[in-house]
Structure formats: structure tokens, C-alpha cells
């Protein structure tokens, strides 16, 4: 896995933010949680964009739900939130 300069800077900033205090283990754990949450948010954004692209290309909601592991209601909500449809 490779990291960009921005990823490294974000990791250092998160560690500095949570490192204060006596319990460095908690600070380190919080930094990892924060960085993981940010990464998960980016991945969800990419997933949702690809769900909308698949639907625009003709994939059914059922097909998308099946391959994504999401429920059809969730897939429908993602598709309906398509900013390109407005």
C-alpha cells in the first residue's frame, strides 16, 4: 500500500492532536480510529458514485444491491441522491 504526502501529513496531525496527556496508548488508538473513519468516508463516497454510475449504465437496483451487499432500500436512496439527475 502506498501513501500520499497528504495521507502522511494527516496521520502526523492526528497523532499530534491525540498524543497529549499521560496515556499515549489511548491517543494512538484515537488517531487510528480517526484516520480509519476518514478513509472509510472516502471509500463510501467512491462506492456511492460507482453505484450511481452502474445504475445510469443500466444495472438494476437488485443487481447493485446483490453485488454491494446493501439492501435495495439503501441502494435506491443512493441512486435517488444522484447529483447528476438534478
N, C-alpha and C. Protein backbone atom coordinates (compact mmCIF):
# COMPACT_ATOMS: atom_id res chain seq x y z
N UNK A 1 0.84 -1.17 0.00
CA UNK A 1 0.00 0.00 0.00
C UNK A 1 0.89 1.24 0.00
N UNK A 2 0.53 2.23 -0.78
CA UNK A 2 1.30 3.46 -0.81
C UNK A 2 0.47 4.61 -0.24
N UNK A 3 1.17 5.60 0.23
CA UNK A 3 0.51 6.75 0.86
C UNK A 3 0.99 8.02 0.20
N UNK A 4 0.10 8.99 0.08
CA UNK A 4 0.47 10.28 -0.47
C UNK A 4 1.03 11.15 0.65
N UNK A 5 1.63 12.23 0.26
CA UNK A 5 2.14 13.20 1.24
C UNK A 5 1.00 13.72 2.11
N UNK A 6 -0.18 13.89 1.52
CA UNK A 6 -1.35 14.35 2.29
C UNK A 6 -1.76 13.32 3.34
N UNK A 7 -1.69 12.03 2.97
CA UNK A 7 -2.01 10.96 3.94
C UNK A 7 -1.06 10.99 5.13
N UNK A 8 0.22 11.16 4.83
CA UNK A 8 1.23 11.19 5.89
C UNK A 8 1.02 12.41 6.78
N UNK A 9 0.76 13.55 6.17
CA UNK A 9 0.52 14.77 6.94
C UNK A 9 -0.70 14.64 7.83
N UNK A 10 -1.76 14.02 7.30
CA UNK A 10 -2.98 13.82 8.09
C UNK A 10 -2.71 12.89 9.27
N UNK A 11 -1.91 11.87 9.05
CA UNK A 11 -1.58 10.93 10.13
C UNK A 11 -0.78 11.64 11.22
N UNK A 12 0.19 12.44 10.82
CA UNK A 12 1.00 13.16 11.80
C UNK A 12 0.14 14.15 12.57
N UNK A 13 -0.74 14.86 11.88
CA UNK A 13 -1.62 15.82 12.55
C UNK A 13 -2.54 15.12 13.54
N UNK A 14 -3.08 13.97 13.15
CA UNK A 14 -3.96 13.22 14.05
C UNK A 14 -3.20 12.73 15.27
N UNK A 15 -1.99 12.24 15.07
CA UNK A 15 -1.19 11.77 16.21
C UNK A 15 -0.86 12.93 17.14
N UNK A 16 -0.49 14.08 16.59
CA UNK A 16 -0.20 15.24 17.42
C UNK A 16 -1.42 15.69 18.19
N UNK A 17 -2.58 15.64 17.56
CA UNK A 17 -3.82 16.08 18.20
C UNK A 17 -4.16 15.21 19.41
N UNK A 18 -3.99 13.91 19.30
CA UNK A 18 -4.42 13.00 20.35
C UNK A 18 -3.29 12.53 21.26
N UNK A 19 -2.06 12.90 20.98
CA UNK A 19 -0.92 12.38 21.73
C UNK A 19 -0.76 13.02 23.11
N UNK A 20 -1.37 14.17 23.32
CA UNK A 20 -1.20 14.86 24.60
C UNK A 20 -1.81 14.05 25.74
N UNK A 21 -1.38 14.34 26.94
CA UNK A 21 -1.90 13.61 28.09
C UNK A 21 -0.94 12.50 28.48
N UNK A 22 -1.32 11.79 29.50
CA UNK A 22 -0.44 10.76 30.05
C UNK A 22 -0.57 9.42 29.36
N UNK A 23 -1.73 9.14 28.77
CA UNK A 23 -1.95 7.82 28.21
C UNK A 23 -1.78 7.84 26.69
N UNK A 24 -0.55 7.58 26.25
CA UNK A 24 -0.25 7.61 24.81
C UNK A 24 -0.96 6.50 24.05
N UNK A 25 -1.24 5.39 24.72
CA UNK A 25 -1.92 4.28 24.06
C UNK A 25 -3.31 4.70 23.60
N UNK A 26 -4.02 5.44 24.46
CA UNK A 26 -5.35 5.94 24.09
C UNK A 26 -5.23 6.92 22.93
N UNK A 27 -4.25 7.80 23.01
CA UNK A 27 -4.05 8.77 21.93
C UNK A 27 -3.75 8.10 20.60
N UNK A 28 -2.92 7.08 20.64
CA UNK A 28 -2.60 6.36 19.41
C UNK A 28 -3.83 5.66 18.86
N UNK A 29 -4.60 5.05 19.75
CA UNK A 29 -5.82 4.37 19.30
C UNK A 29 -6.81 5.36 18.70
N UNK A 30 -6.96 6.53 19.33
CA UNK A 30 -7.87 7.54 18.80
C UNK A 30 -7.40 8.05 17.44
N UNK A 31 -6.10 8.20 17.27
CA UNK A 31 -5.58 8.64 15.98
C UNK A 31 -5.91 7.62 14.89
N UNK A 32 -5.73 6.34 15.21
CA UNK A 32 -6.05 5.29 14.23
C UNK A 32 -7.54 5.28 13.92
N UNK A 33 -8.37 5.43 14.93
CA UNK A 33 -9.83 5.46 14.71
C UNK A 33 -10.20 6.64 13.82
N UNK A 34 -9.64 7.81 14.11
CA UNK A 34 -9.95 8.99 13.30
C UNK A 34 -9.51 8.84 11.86
N UNK A 35 -8.30 8.33 11.65
CA UNK A 35 -7.81 8.13 10.28
C UNK A 35 -8.61 7.06 9.55
N UNK A 36 -9.00 6.01 10.26
CA UNK A 36 -9.81 4.96 9.64
C UNK A 36 -11.19 5.48 9.26
N UNK A 37 -11.76 6.32 10.09
CA UNK A 37 -13.07 6.90 9.79
C UNK A 37 -13.00 7.79 8.55
N UNK A 38 -11.94 8.57 8.44
CA UNK A 38 -11.78 9.43 7.27
C UNK A 38 -11.62 8.59 6.00
N UNK A 39 -10.85 7.52 6.10
CA UNK A 39 -10.65 6.65 4.94
C UNK A 39 -11.96 5.95 4.55
N UNK A 40 -12.70 5.49 5.55
CA UNK A 40 -13.98 4.83 5.29
C UNK A 40 -14.94 5.79 4.59
N UNK A 41 -14.94 7.05 5.02
CA UNK A 41 -15.80 8.05 4.40
C UNK A 41 -15.46 8.23 2.93
N UNK A 42 -14.16 8.28 2.63
CA UNK A 42 -13.75 8.40 1.21
C UNK A 42 -14.18 7.18 0.41
N UNK A 43 -14.02 6.00 0.99
CA UNK A 43 -14.40 4.76 0.30
C UNK A 43 -15.91 4.71 0.05
N UNK A 44 -16.70 5.15 1.01
CA UNK A 44 -18.15 5.17 0.85
C UNK A 44 -18.54 6.13 -0.27
N UNK A 45 -17.86 7.27 -0.35
CA UNK A 45 -18.14 8.23 -1.41
C UNK A 45 -17.87 7.61 -2.78
N UNK A 46 -16.75 6.91 -2.91
CA UNK A 46 -16.42 6.24 -4.18
C UNK A 46 -17.45 5.16 -4.48
N UNK A 47 -17.81 4.34 -3.47
CA UNK A 47 -18.81 3.28 -3.67
C UNK A 47 -20.13 3.86 -4.15
N UNK A 48 -20.59 4.92 -3.51
CA UNK A 48 -21.87 5.52 -3.90
C UNK A 48 -21.81 6.09 -5.32
N UNK A 49 -20.70 6.72 -5.68
CA UNK A 49 -20.54 7.23 -7.05
C UNK A 49 -20.61 6.08 -8.06
N UNK A 50 -19.98 4.96 -7.74
CA UNK A 50 -19.98 3.81 -8.64
C UNK A 50 -21.36 3.15 -8.70
N UNK A 51 -22.09 3.16 -7.61
CA UNK A 51 -23.47 2.64 -7.62
C UNK A 51 -24.31 3.48 -8.56
N UNK A 52 -24.19 4.79 -8.48
CA UNK A 52 -24.98 5.66 -9.37
C UNK A 52 -24.56 5.47 -10.84
N UNK A 53 -23.25 5.31 -11.07
CA UNK A 53 -22.77 5.08 -12.43
C UNK A 53 -23.30 3.76 -12.98
N UNK A 54 -23.30 2.72 -12.17
CA UNK A 54 -23.81 1.41 -12.60
C UNK A 54 -25.29 1.51 -12.93
N UNK A 55 -26.03 2.25 -12.12
CA UNK A 55 -27.47 2.39 -12.37
C UNK A 55 -27.72 3.18 -13.66
N UNK A 56 -26.96 4.27 -13.85
CA UNK A 56 -27.11 5.04 -15.09
C UNK A 56 -26.77 4.20 -16.31
N UNK A 57 -25.84 3.25 -16.15
CA UNK A 57 -25.43 2.38 -17.26
C UNK A 57 -26.43 1.27 -17.52
N UNK A 58 -27.42 1.10 -16.63
CA UNK A 58 -28.46 0.11 -16.88
C UNK A 58 -28.57 -1.01 -15.87
N UNK A 59 -27.72 -1.05 -14.88
CA UNK A 59 -27.81 -2.10 -13.86
C UNK A 59 -29.08 -1.89 -13.03
N UNK A 60 -29.72 -2.98 -12.68
CA UNK A 60 -30.93 -2.87 -11.86
C UNK A 60 -30.56 -2.66 -10.40
N UNK A 61 -31.52 -2.13 -9.64
CA UNK A 61 -31.30 -1.94 -8.21
C UNK A 61 -31.00 -3.27 -7.53
N UNK A 62 -31.67 -4.33 -7.97
CA UNK A 62 -31.45 -5.66 -7.41
C UNK A 62 -30.01 -6.12 -7.65
N UNK A 63 -29.53 -5.94 -8.88
CA UNK A 63 -28.16 -6.34 -9.20
C UNK A 63 -27.15 -5.58 -8.35
N UNK A 64 -27.36 -4.28 -8.23
CA UNK A 64 -26.44 -3.45 -7.46
C UNK A 64 -26.47 -3.86 -5.99
N UNK A 65 -27.68 -4.08 -5.46
CA UNK A 65 -27.80 -4.48 -4.05
C UNK A 65 -27.08 -5.80 -3.81
N UNK A 66 -27.21 -6.71 -4.73
CA UNK A 66 -26.60 -8.03 -4.59
C UNK A 66 -25.07 -7.95 -4.54
N UNK A 67 -24.48 -7.20 -5.46
CA UNK A 67 -23.02 -7.14 -5.50
C UNK A 67 -22.42 -6.24 -4.43
N UNK A 68 -23.19 -5.27 -3.96
CA UNK A 68 -22.67 -4.33 -2.96
C UNK A 68 -22.87 -4.83 -1.53
N UNK A 69 -23.79 -5.77 -1.36
CA UNK A 69 -24.10 -6.23 -0.01
C UNK A 69 -25.02 -5.29 0.74
N UNK A 70 -25.57 -4.33 0.04
CA UNK A 70 -26.50 -3.38 0.64
C UNK A 70 -27.94 -3.80 0.34
N UNK A 71 -28.86 -3.30 1.12
CA UNK A 71 -30.27 -3.55 0.85
C UNK A 71 -30.76 -2.71 -0.31
N UNK A 72 -31.86 -3.15 -0.93
CA UNK A 72 -32.39 -2.40 -2.07
C UNK A 72 -32.84 -1.00 -1.67
N UNK A 73 -33.37 -0.86 -0.45
CA UNK A 73 -33.78 0.47 0.00
C UNK A 73 -32.58 1.41 0.09
N UNK A 74 -31.47 0.90 0.57
CA UNK A 74 -30.26 1.71 0.67
C UNK A 74 -29.75 2.08 -0.71
N UNK A 75 -29.73 1.12 -1.62
CA UNK A 75 -29.28 1.38 -2.99
C UNK A 75 -30.21 2.41 -3.64
N UNK A 76 -31.50 2.27 -3.44
CA UNK A 76 -32.46 3.22 -4.01
C UNK A 76 -32.19 4.62 -3.49
N UNK A 77 -31.93 4.75 -2.20
CA UNK A 77 -31.65 6.06 -1.62
C UNK A 77 -30.37 6.66 -2.21
N UNK A 78 -29.37 5.84 -2.43
CA UNK A 78 -28.12 6.32 -3.01
C UNK A 78 -28.35 6.78 -4.44
N UNK A 79 -29.09 6.00 -5.21
CA UNK A 79 -29.37 6.35 -6.61
C UNK A 79 -30.20 7.63 -6.69
N UNK A 80 -31.18 7.74 -5.81
CA UNK A 80 -32.04 8.93 -5.82
C UNK A 80 -31.31 10.19 -5.38
N UNK A 81 -30.21 10.03 -4.68
CA UNK A 81 -29.41 11.17 -4.24
C UNK A 81 -28.41 11.60 -5.32
N UNK A 82 -28.55 11.09 -6.52
CA UNK A 82 -27.63 11.35 -7.62
C UNK A 82 -27.62 12.85 -7.94
N UNK A 83 -26.51 13.54 -7.74
CA UNK A 83 -26.44 14.97 -8.06
C UNK A 83 -26.52 15.25 -9.55
N UNK A 84 -26.24 14.25 -10.39
CA UNK A 84 -26.30 14.46 -11.84
C UNK A 84 -27.73 14.41 -12.38
N UNK A 85 -28.67 13.92 -11.58
CA UNK A 85 -30.06 13.82 -12.03
C UNK A 85 -30.80 15.13 -11.86
N UNK A 86 -30.28 16.06 -11.11
CA UNK A 86 -30.98 17.31 -10.83
C UNK A 86 -30.97 18.25 -12.01
